[in-house]
C-alpha atoms as a PDB file:
ATOM      1  CA  MET A   1       0.000   0.000   0.000  1.00  0.00           C
ATOM      2  CA  PRO A   2       2.722   2.574   0.748  1.00  0.00           C
ATOM      3  CA  GLU A   3       4.303   1.788  -2.615  1.00  0.00           C
ATOM      4  CA  SER A   4       0.977   2.565  -4.331  1.00  0.00           C
ATOM      5  CA  GLY A   5       0.803   5.901  -2.527  1.00  0.00           C
ATOM      6  CA  GLU A   6       4.301   6.786  -3.608  1.00  0.00           C
ATOM      7  CA  LYS A   7       3.443   5.952  -7.215  1.00  0.00           C
ATOM      8  CA  ASN A   8       0.389   8.197  -7.070  1.00  0.00           C
ATOM      9  CA  THR A   9       2.458  11.014  -5.601  1.00  0.00           C
ATOM     10  CA  GLY A  10       5.063  10.633  -8.363  1.00  0.00           C
ATOM     11  CA  SER A  11       2.383  10.649 -11.074  1.00  0.00           C
ATOM     12  CA  GLU A  12       0.836  13.762  -9.566  1.00  0.00           C
ATOM     13  CA  LYS A  13       4.203  15.526  -9.603  1.00  0.00           C
ATOM     14  CA  LYS A  14       4.780  14.571 -13.226  1.00  0.00           C
ATOM     15  CA  ARG A  15       1.313  15.802 -14.151  1.00  0.00           C
ATOM     16  CA  LYS A  16       1.915  19.157 -12.441  1.00  0.00           C
ATOM     17  CA  ILE A  17       5.300  19.520 -14.142  1.00  0.00           C
ATOM     18  CA  PHE A  18       3.708  18.712 -17.511  1.00  0.00           C
ATOM     19  CA  LEU A  19       0.913  21.252 -16.980  1.00  0.00           C
ATOM     20  CA  GLY A  20       3.380  23.857 -15.771  1.00  0.00           C
ATOM     21  CA  ARG A  21       5.517  23.434 -18.863  1.00  0.00           C
ATOM     22  CA  ASN A  22       2.511  23.728 -21.182  1.00  0.00           C
ATOM     23  CA  PHE A  23       1.319  26.844 -19.392  1.00  0.00           C
ATOM     24  CA  LEU A  24       4.781  28.384 -19.727  1.00  0.00           C
ATOM     25  CA  ILE A  25       4.847  27.574 -23.455  1.00  0.00           C
ATOM     26  CA  ILE A  26       1.438  29.214 -23.905  1.00  0.00           C
ATOM     27  CA  LEU A  27       2.598  32.340 -22.057  1.00  0.00           C
ATOM     28  CA  ILE A  28       5.708  32.584 -24.259  1.00  0.00           C
ATOM     29  CA  ALA A  29       3.614  32.167 -27.423  1.00  0.00           C
ATOM     30  CA  VAL A  30       1.190  34.903 -26.338  1.00  0.00           C
ATOM     31  CA  PHE A  31       4.128  37.184 -25.522  1.00  0.00           C
ATOM     32  CA  ILE A  32       5.727  36.591 -28.928  1.00  0.00           C
ATOM     33  CA  LEU A  33       2.475  37.245 -30.791  1.00  0.00           C
ATOM     34  CA  CYS A  34       1.114  40.218 -28.863  1.00  0.00           C
ATOM     35  CA  VAL A  35       4.109  42.292 -27.804  1.00  0.00           C
ATOM     36  CA  PRO A  36       5.371  43.114 -31.352  1.00  0.00           C
ATOM     37  CA  MET A  37       1.863  44.260 -32.339  1.00  0.00           C
ATOM     38  CA  TRP A  38       1.632  46.425 -29.217  1.00  0.00           C
ATOM     39  CA  LEU A  39       5.068  47.919 -29.906  1.00  0.00           C
ATOM     40  CA  CYS A  40       4.126  48.710 -33.524  1.00  0.00           C
ATOM     41  CA  LYS A  41       1.019  50.562 -32.372  1.00  0.00           C
ATOM     42  CA  LEU A  42       3.006  52.421 -29.738  1.00  0.00           C
ATOM     43  CA  ILE A  43       5.675  53.500 -32.227  1.00  0.00           C
ATOM     44  CA  SER A  44       3.070  54.426 -34.832  1.00  0.00           C
ATOM     45  CA  GLY A  45       1.259  56.631 -32.336  1.00  0.00           C
ATOM     46  CA  ALA A  46       4.488  58.267 -31.220  1.00  0.00           C
ATOM     47  CA  PHE A  47       5.710  59.219 -34.681  1.00  0.00           C
ATOM     48  CA  GLY A  48       2.521  60.452 -36.333  1.00  0.00           C
ATOM     49  CA  SER A  49       0.068  59.115 -38.900  1.00  0.00           C
ATOM     50  CA  LYS A  50       2.392  58.579 -41.881  1.00  0.00           C
ATOM     51  CA  THR A  51       1.619  55.275 -43.543  1.00  0.00           C
ATOM     52  CA  THR A  52       0.996  53.749 -46.952  1.00  0.00           C
ATOM     53  CA  ILE A  53      -2.036  54.900 -48.882  1.00  0.00           C
ATOM     54  CA  THR A  54      -3.181  51.316 -49.481  1.00  0.00           C
ATOM     55  CA  SER A  55      -3.355  50.508 -45.767  1.00  0.00           C
ATOM     56  CA  ILE A  56      -5.502  53.598 -45.163  1.00  0.00           C
ATOM     57  CA  MET A  57      -7.821  53.365 -48.146  1.00  0.00           C
ATOM     58  CA  SER A  58      -8.157  49.637 -48.792  1.00  0.00           C
ATOM     59  CA  ASN A  59     -10.621  48.811 -46.016  1.00  0.00           C
ATOM     60  CA  GLY A  60     -13.251  46.815 -47.905  1.00  0.00           C
ATOM     61  CA  ASN A  61     -12.069  48.246 -51.221  1.00  0.00           C
ATOM     62  CA  THR A  62     -10.317  45.704 -53.442  1.00  0.00           C
ATOM     63  CA  PHE A  63      -9.792  48.265 -56.221  1.00  0.00           C
ATOM     64  CA  VAL A  64      -7.420  50.364 -54.126  1.00  0.00           C
ATOM     65  CA  GLU A  65      -5.500  47.284 -53.011  1.00  0.00           C
ATOM     66  CA  LYS A  66      -4.678  46.534 -56.660  1.00  0.00           C
ATOM     67  CA  VAL A  67      -3.811  50.105 -57.630  1.00  0.00           C
ATOM     68  CA  ASN A  68      -0.136  50.916 -58.034  1.00  0.00           C
ATOM     69  CA  ASP A  69      -0.194  54.007 -60.231  1.00  0.00           C
ATOM     70  CA  LEU A  70      -3.225  56.282 -60.071  1.00  0.00           C
ATOM     71  CA  VAL A  71      -3.571  58.495 -63.157  1.00  0.00           C
ATOM     72  CA  LEU A  72      -4.820  61.923 -62.060  1.00  0.00           C
ATOM     73  CA  CYS A  73      -4.907  63.841 -65.342  1.00  0.00           C
ATOM     74  CA  LYS A  74      -3.563  63.944 -68.878  1.00  0.00           C
ATOM     75  CA  SER A  75      -2.273  66.776 -71.013  1.00  0.00           C
ATOM     76  CA  THR A  76      -1.801  66.831 -74.781  1.00  0.00           C
ATOM     77  CA  THR A  77       0.522  69.413 -76.253  1.00  0.00           C
ATOM     78  CA  THR A  78       2.798  70.075 -79.230  1.00  0.00           C
ATOM     79  CA  GLU A  79       6.538  70.109 -78.602  1.00  0.00           C
ATOM     80  CA  GLU A  80       9.176  71.622 -80.856  1.00  0.00           C
ATOM     81  CA  GLU A  81      12.969  71.464 -80.855  1.00  0.00           C
ATOM     82  CA  ASN A  82      15.321  73.566 -82.993  1.00  0.00           C
ATOM     83  CA  ARG A  83      19.059  72.988 -83.089  1.00  0.00           C
ATOM     84  CA  GLU A  84      21.800  74.806 -84.948  1.00  0.00           C
ATOM     85  CA  GLU A  85      25.151  73.581 -86.185  1.00  0.00           C
ATOM     86  CA  VAL A  86      27.800  76.045 -87.265  1.00  0.00           C
ATOM     87  CA  VAL A  87      30.847  74.942 -89.239  1.00  0.00           C
ATOM     88  CA  GLN A  88      33.805  77.285 -89.785  1.00  0.00           C
ATOM     89  CA  ARG A  89      36.777  76.828 -92.095  1.00  0.00           C
ATOM     90  CA  LEU A  90      39.956  78.891 -92.333  1.00  0.00           C
ATOM     91  CA  LYS A  91      38.540  81.546 -90.003  1.00  0.00           C
ATOM     92  CA  TYR A  92      36.743  83.337 -92.829  1.00  0.00           C
ATOM     93  CA  PHE A  93      34.374  80.674 -94.150  1.00  0.00           C
ATOM     94  CA  TYR A  94      31.456  79.326 -92.189  1.00  0.00           C
ATOM     95  CA  SER A  95      27.958  77.971 -92.724  1.00  0.00           C
ATOM     96  CA  LYS A  96      25.035  77.011 -90.527  1.00  0.00           C
ATOM     97  CA  ALA A  97      22.565  74.134 -90.545  1.00  0.00           C
ATOM     98  CA  ILE A  98      19.248  74.197 -88.687  1.00  0.00           C
ATOM     99  CA  TYR A  99      17.483  70.996 -87.590  1.00  0.00           C
ATOM    100  CA  LYS A 100      13.827  71.134 -86.588  1.00  0.00           C
ATOM    101  CA  VAL A 101      11.497  68.547 -85.138  1.00  0.00           C
ATOM    102  CA  ARG A 102       7.869  69.053 -84.141  1.00  0.00           C
ATOM    103  CA  PHE A 103       5.519  66.471 -82.630  1.00  0.00           C
ATOM    104  CA  LYS A 104       2.384  66.025 -80.537  1.00  0.00           C
ATOM    105  CA  VAL A 105       2.597  64.221 -77.177  1.00  0.00           C
ATOM    106  CA  THR A 106       0.162  63.204 -74.433  1.00  0.00           C
ATOM    107  CA  TYR A 107       1.432  63.190 -70.853  1.00  0.00           C
ATOM    108  CA  PHE A 108      -0.292  61.094 -68.178  1.00  0.00           C
ATOM    109  CA  TYR A 109       0.352  62.432 -64.676  1.00  0.00           C
ATOM    110  CA  LYS A 110       0.094  59.909 -61.877  1.00  0.00           C
ATOM    111  CA  LEU A 111       0.805  59.046 -58.255  1.00  0.00           C
ATOM    112  CA  LYS A 112       2.512  55.954 -56.944  1.00  0.00           C
ATOM    113  CA  MET A 113      -0.153  54.772 -54.512  1.00  0.00           C
ATOM    114  CA  SER A 114       2.070  52.281 -52.684  1.00  0.00           C
ATOM    115  CA  SER A 115       4.824  54.791 -51.854  1.00  0.00           C
ATOM    116  CA  LYS A 116       5.757  54.025 -48.237  1.00  0.00           C
ATOM    117  CA  GLY A 117       6.200  56.941 -45.909  1.00  0.00           C
ATOM    118  CA  ASP A 118       5.066  59.499 -48.487  1.00  0.00           C
ATOM    119  CA  TRP A 119       1.456  59.780 -47.307  1.00  0.00           C
ATOM    120  CA  ALA A 120       0.194  61.686 -44.256  1.00  0.00           C
ATOM    121  CA  TYR A 121      -3.366  62.472 -43.156  1.00  0.00           C
ATOM    122  CA  GLU A 122      -4.245  65.107 -40.590  1.00  0.00           C
ATOM    123  CA  LEU A 123      -7.730  66.226 -39.546  1.00  0.00           C
ATOM    124  CA  LYS A 124      -8.220  69.644 -37.962  1.00  0.00           C
ATOM    125  CA  ASP A 125     -11.364  71.760 -37.649  1.00  0.00           C
ATOM    126  CA  GLY A 126     -13.187  69.612 -40.190  1.00  0.00           C
ATOM    127  CA  ILE A 127     -10.443  69.934 -42.823  1.00  0.00           C
ATOM    128  CA  LEU A 128      -8.600  66.807 -43.941  1.00  0.00           C
ATOM    129  CA  TYR A 129      -5.034  67.749 -44.882  1.00  0.00           C
ATOM    130  CA  VAL A 130      -3.411  65.197 -47.183  1.00  0.00           C
ATOM    131  CA  THR A 131       0.286  65.070 -47.965  1.00  0.00           C
ATOM    132  CA  ALA A 132       0.680  62.984 -51.131  1.00  0.00           C
ATOM    133  CA  PRO A 133       3.725  61.536 -52.945  1.00  0.00           C
ATOM    134  CA  PRO A 134       5.292  63.568 -55.766  1.00  0.00           C
ATOM    135  CA  ILE A 135       3.489  63.742 -59.087  1.00  0.00           C
ATOM    136  CA  ASP A 136       5.223  61.890 -61.891  1.00  0.00           C
ATOM    137  CA  ILE A 137       4.491  61.062 -65.527  1.00  0.00           C
ATOM    138  CA  MET A 138       3.946  57.630 -66.984  1.00  0.00           C
ATOM    139  CA  LYS A 139       6.895  56.635 -69.135  1.00  0.00           C
ATOM    140  CA  PRO A 140       7.300  56.554 -72.005  1.00  0.00           C
ATOM    141  CA  PRO A 141       4.974  59.487 -72.772  1.00  0.00           C
ATOM    142  CA  GLY A 142       2.413  59.040 -75.532  1.00  0.00           C
ATOM    143  CA  ILE A 143       4.158  60.295 -78.673  1.00  0.00           C
ATOM    144  CA  HIS A 144       1.761  60.778 -81.617  1.00  0.00           C
ATOM    145  CA  THR A 145       4.046  59.273 -84.240  1.00  0.00           C
ATOM    146  CA  ASP A 146       1.789  60.363 -87.096  1.00  0.00           C
ATOM    147  CA  SER A 147       2.327  63.990 -86.083  1.00  0.00           C
ATOM    148  CA  ILE A 148       6.147  64.015 -86.237  1.00  0.00           C
ATOM    149  CA  GLU A 149       7.545  66.648 -88.579  1.00  0.00           C
ATOM    150  CA  ALA A 150      11.301  66.760 -89.136  1.00  0.00           C
ATOM    151  CA  GLN A 151      13.265  69.016 -91.475  1.00  0.00           C
ATOM    152  CA  TYR A 152      16.626  70.707 -91.853  1.00  0.00           C
ATOM    153  CA  GLU A 153      18.157  73.666 -93.631  1.00  0.00           C
ATOM    154  CA  GLY A 154      21.674  72.692 -94.657  1.00  0.00           C
ATOM    155  CA  GLY A 155      24.821  74.771 -94.976  1.00  0.00           C
ATOM    156  CA  TRP A 156      27.401  74.244 -97.718  1.00  0.00           C
ATOM    157  CA  LEU A 157      30.109  73.250 -95.206  1.00  0.00           C
ATOM    158  CA  VAL A 158      27.832  70.986 -93.150  1.00  0.00           C
ATOM    159  CA  THR A 159      27.807  67.246 -93.844  1.00  0.00           C
ATOM    160  CA  ASN A 160      25.562  64.311 -92.886  1.00  0.00           C
ATOM    161  CA  GLU A 161      22.513  66.508 -92.290  1.00  0.00           C
ATOM    162  CA  LYS A 162      20.021  63.670 -92.823  1.00  0.00           C
ATOM    163  CA  LYS A 163      21.821  61.424 -90.349  1.00  0.00           C
ATOM    164  CA  LYS A 164      21.905  64.179 -87.740  1.00  0.00           C
ATOM    165  CA  LEU A 165      18.217  64.910 -88.259  1.00  0.00           C
ATOM    166  CA  ALA A 166      17.400  61.205 -87.842  1.00  0.00           C
ATOM    167  CA  GLN A 167      19.320  61.223 -84.551  1.00  0.00           C
ATOM    168  CA  LEU A 168      17.282  64.193 -83.359  1.00  0.00           C
ATOM    169  CA  VAL A 169      14.079  62.280 -84.114  1.00  0.00           C
ATOM    170  CA  LYS A 170      15.360  59.376 -81.994  1.00  0.00           C
ATOM    171  CA  GLU A 171      15.732  61.731 -79.052  1.00  0.00           C
ATOM    172  CA  ILE A 172      12.048  62.706 -79.068  1.00  0.00           C
ATOM    173  CA  THR A 173      10.974  60.293 -76.311  1.00  0.00           C
ATOM    174  CA  PRO A 174      13.598  61.208 -73.656  1.00  0.00           C
ATOM    175  CA  MET A 175      13.149  64.864 -74.630  1.00  0.00           C
ATOM    176  CA  ALA A 176       9.408  64.653 -74.019  1.00  0.00           C
ATOM    177  CA  SER A 177       9.894  62.810 -70.707  1.00  0.00           C
ATOM    178  CA  GLN A 178      12.067  65.632 -69.434  1.00  0.00           C
ATOM    179  CA  ARG A 179       9.805  68.414 -70.653  1.00  0.00           C
ATOM    180  CA  GLY A 180       6.717  66.804 -69.156  1.00  0.00           C
ATOM    181  CA  MET A 181       8.166  67.286 -65.671  1.00  0.00           C
ATOM    182  CA  ASN A 182       9.525  70.804 -66.006  1.00  0.00           C
ATOM    183  CA  GLU A 183       8.405  73.445 -63.530  1.00  0.00           C
ATOM    184  CA  LYS A 184       6.229  75.360 -65.974  1.00  0.00           C
ATOM    185  CA  ARG A 185       4.313  72.251 -67.030  1.00  0.00           C
ATOM    186  CA  LEU A 186       3.794  71.068 -63.460  1.00  0.00           C
ATOM    187  CA  SER A 187       2.413  74.449 -62.411  1.00  0.00           C
ATOM    188  CA  VAL A 188      -0.332  73.963 -65.017  1.00  0.00           C
ATOM    189  CA  VAL A 189      -1.282  70.346 -64.241  1.00  0.00           C
ATOM    190  CA  ILE A 190      -0.987  70.326 -60.429  1.00  0.00           C
ATOM    191  CA  PRO A 191      -4.361  72.060 -59.857  1.00  0.00           C
ATOM    192  CA  HIS A 192      -6.071  69.429 -62.046  1.00  0.00           C
ATOM    193  CA  CYS A 193      -4.224  66.608 -60.264  1.00  0.00           C
ATOM    194  CA  ARG A 194      -5.229  68.053 -56.903  1.00  0.00           C
ATOM    195  CA  GLU A 195      -8.896  68.172 -57.865  1.00  0.00           C
ATOM    196  CA  SER A 196      -8.752  64.609 -59.151  1.00  0.00           C
ATOM    197  CA  LEU A 197      -7.151  63.271 -55.962  1.00  0.00           C
ATOM    198  CA  VAL A 198      -9.642  65.144 -53.774  1.00  0.00           C
ATOM    199  CA  ASN A 199     -12.489  63.472 -55.680  1.00  0.00           C
ATOM    200  CA  PHE A 200     -10.773  60.107 -55.347  1.00  0.00           C
ATOM    201  CA  ILE A 201     -10.518  60.463 -51.549  1.00  0.00           C
ATOM    202  CA  GLU A 202     -14.050  61.870 -51.172  1.00  0.00           C
ATOM    203  CA  ASN A 203     -15.501  58.819 -52.906  1.00  0.00           C
ATOM    204  CA  ARG A 204     -13.777  56.553 -50.387  1.00  0.00           C
ATOM    205  CA  LEU A 205     -14.780  58.251 -47.158  1.00  0.00           C
ATOM    206  CA  SER A 206     -16.944  56.151 -44.875  1.00  0.00           C
ATOM    207  CA  GLU A 207     -20.187  57.537 -43.465  1.00  0.00           C
ATOM    208  CA  SER A 208     -18.452  58.666 -40.265  1.00  0.00           C
ATOM    209  CA  GLY A 209     -15.706  60.216 -42.340  1.00  0.00           C
ATOM    210  CA  LYS A 210     -18.207  62.179 -44.417  1.00  0.00           C
ATOM    211  CA  ASN A 211     -19.691  63.584 -41.231  1.00  0.00           C
ATOM    212  CA  GLU A 212     -16.299  64.669 -39.899  1.00  0.00           C
ATOM    213  CA  VAL A 213     -14.656  65.972 -43.081  1.00  0.00           C
ATOM    214  CA  LYS A 214     -16.023  69.235 -44.433  1.00  0.00           C
ATOM    215  CA  ALA A 215     -13.162  69.931 -46.881  1.00  0.00           C
ATOM    216  CA  ILE A 216     -10.045  68.220 -48.234  1.00  0.00           C
ATOM    217  CA  LYS A 217      -6.751  69.954 -48.974  1.00  0.00           C
ATOM    218  CA  VAL A 218      -4.035  68.124 -50.896  1.00  0.00           C
ATOM    219  CA  ILE A 219      -0.325  68.913 -50.910  1.00  0.00           C
ATOM    220  CA  PHE A 220       2.030  67.118 -53.317  1.00  0.00           C
ATOM    221  CA  ALA A 221       5.593  66.432 -52.247  1.00  0.00           C
ATOM    222  CA  ASN A 222       7.107  68.089 -55.338  1.00  0.00           C
ATOM    223  CA  GLU A 223       5.080  71.286 -55.257  1.00  0.00           C
ATOM    224  CA  LYS A 224       7.380  74.283 -55.360  1.00  0.00           C
ATOM    225  CA  HIS A 225       5.221  76.401 -53.060  1.00  0.00           C
ATOM    226  CA  LYS A 226       3.873  74.006 -50.439  1.00  0.00           C
ATOM    227  CA  VAL A 227       1.566  74.799 -47.552  1.00  0.00           C
ATOM    228  CA  SER A 228       2.564  73.065 -44.330  1.00  0.00           C
ATOM    229  CA  LEU A 229       0.184  70.826 -42.437  1.00  0.00           C
ATOM    230  CA  PRO A 230      -1.238  72.319 -39.237  1.00  0.00           C
ATOM    231  CA  GLU A 231       1.123  72.120 -36.269  1.00  0.00           C
ATOM    232  CA  SER A 232      -1.514  70.759 -33.903  1.00  0.00           C
ATOM    233  CA  SER A 233      -3.987  68.298 -35.340  1.00  0.00           C
ATOM    234  CA  THR A 234      -5.757  65.005 -34.777  1.00  0.00           C
ATOM    235  CA  SER A 235      -4.597  61.904 -36.595  1.00  0.00           C
ATOM    236  CA  TYR A 236      -7.057  60.720 -39.194  1.00  0.00           C
ATOM    237  CA  THR A 237      -7.685  57.061 -38.577  1.00  0.00           C
ATOM    238  CA  PRO A 238      -8.089  54.341 -41.230  1.00  0.00           C
ATOM    239  CA  GLU A 239     -11.554  53.495 -39.901  1.00  0.00           C
ATOM    240  CA  ASN A 240     -12.867  56.740 -41.412  1.00  0.00           C
ATOM    241  CA  LEU A 241     -11.996  55.574 -44.907  1.00  0.00           C
ATOM    242  CA  LYS A 242     -13.567  52.751 -46.858  1.00  0.00           C
END
């Protein structure tokens, strides 16, 4: 009989040790799963509301989740490039050739929706202030090949004019890409891009968001004259957006 009691006591100890180990494993698992999430929320709250646009606007909206580049507006214009070549011989003899190219191009201005760290939302006094990534153009731009006009006026000392003109035509695409992003062009398209993005955000506000937001102001990262976000404001939470 004493031996039976000792066996029962030993089994009880083993059972308690087994349960204790399992409980410890569960505690460790909970710690591993929950603490990183808590730390992320703490850090996010400490450093503001900057986040990716998809995480803010994709709540129940599969379209936004799939969007990478959002086209805000397009602009069709005619570009022209004139170049001169002067050739001089023996100090007293010279001639000049002029190369001209003219073409129509359509620029599509867009935002990279998944740009991390480039989006910020702040709500103050019923105004939603949005800091958006820089505007860019889709590359290559839409060259209207049927509109290309190329010609040259040769000089008697200039050679290979046709070859040089053909080279100028080859440079149309990179030339257009650069011109589409110049300061003058951006100053014209930014107001249209702003209006388009405001409409895009308005259509994705939830019912509670529509009640809170009375106006939306958008600032693009590459605007020359930017208006700063308010110094004191309330973070605009993802739950207010669909």
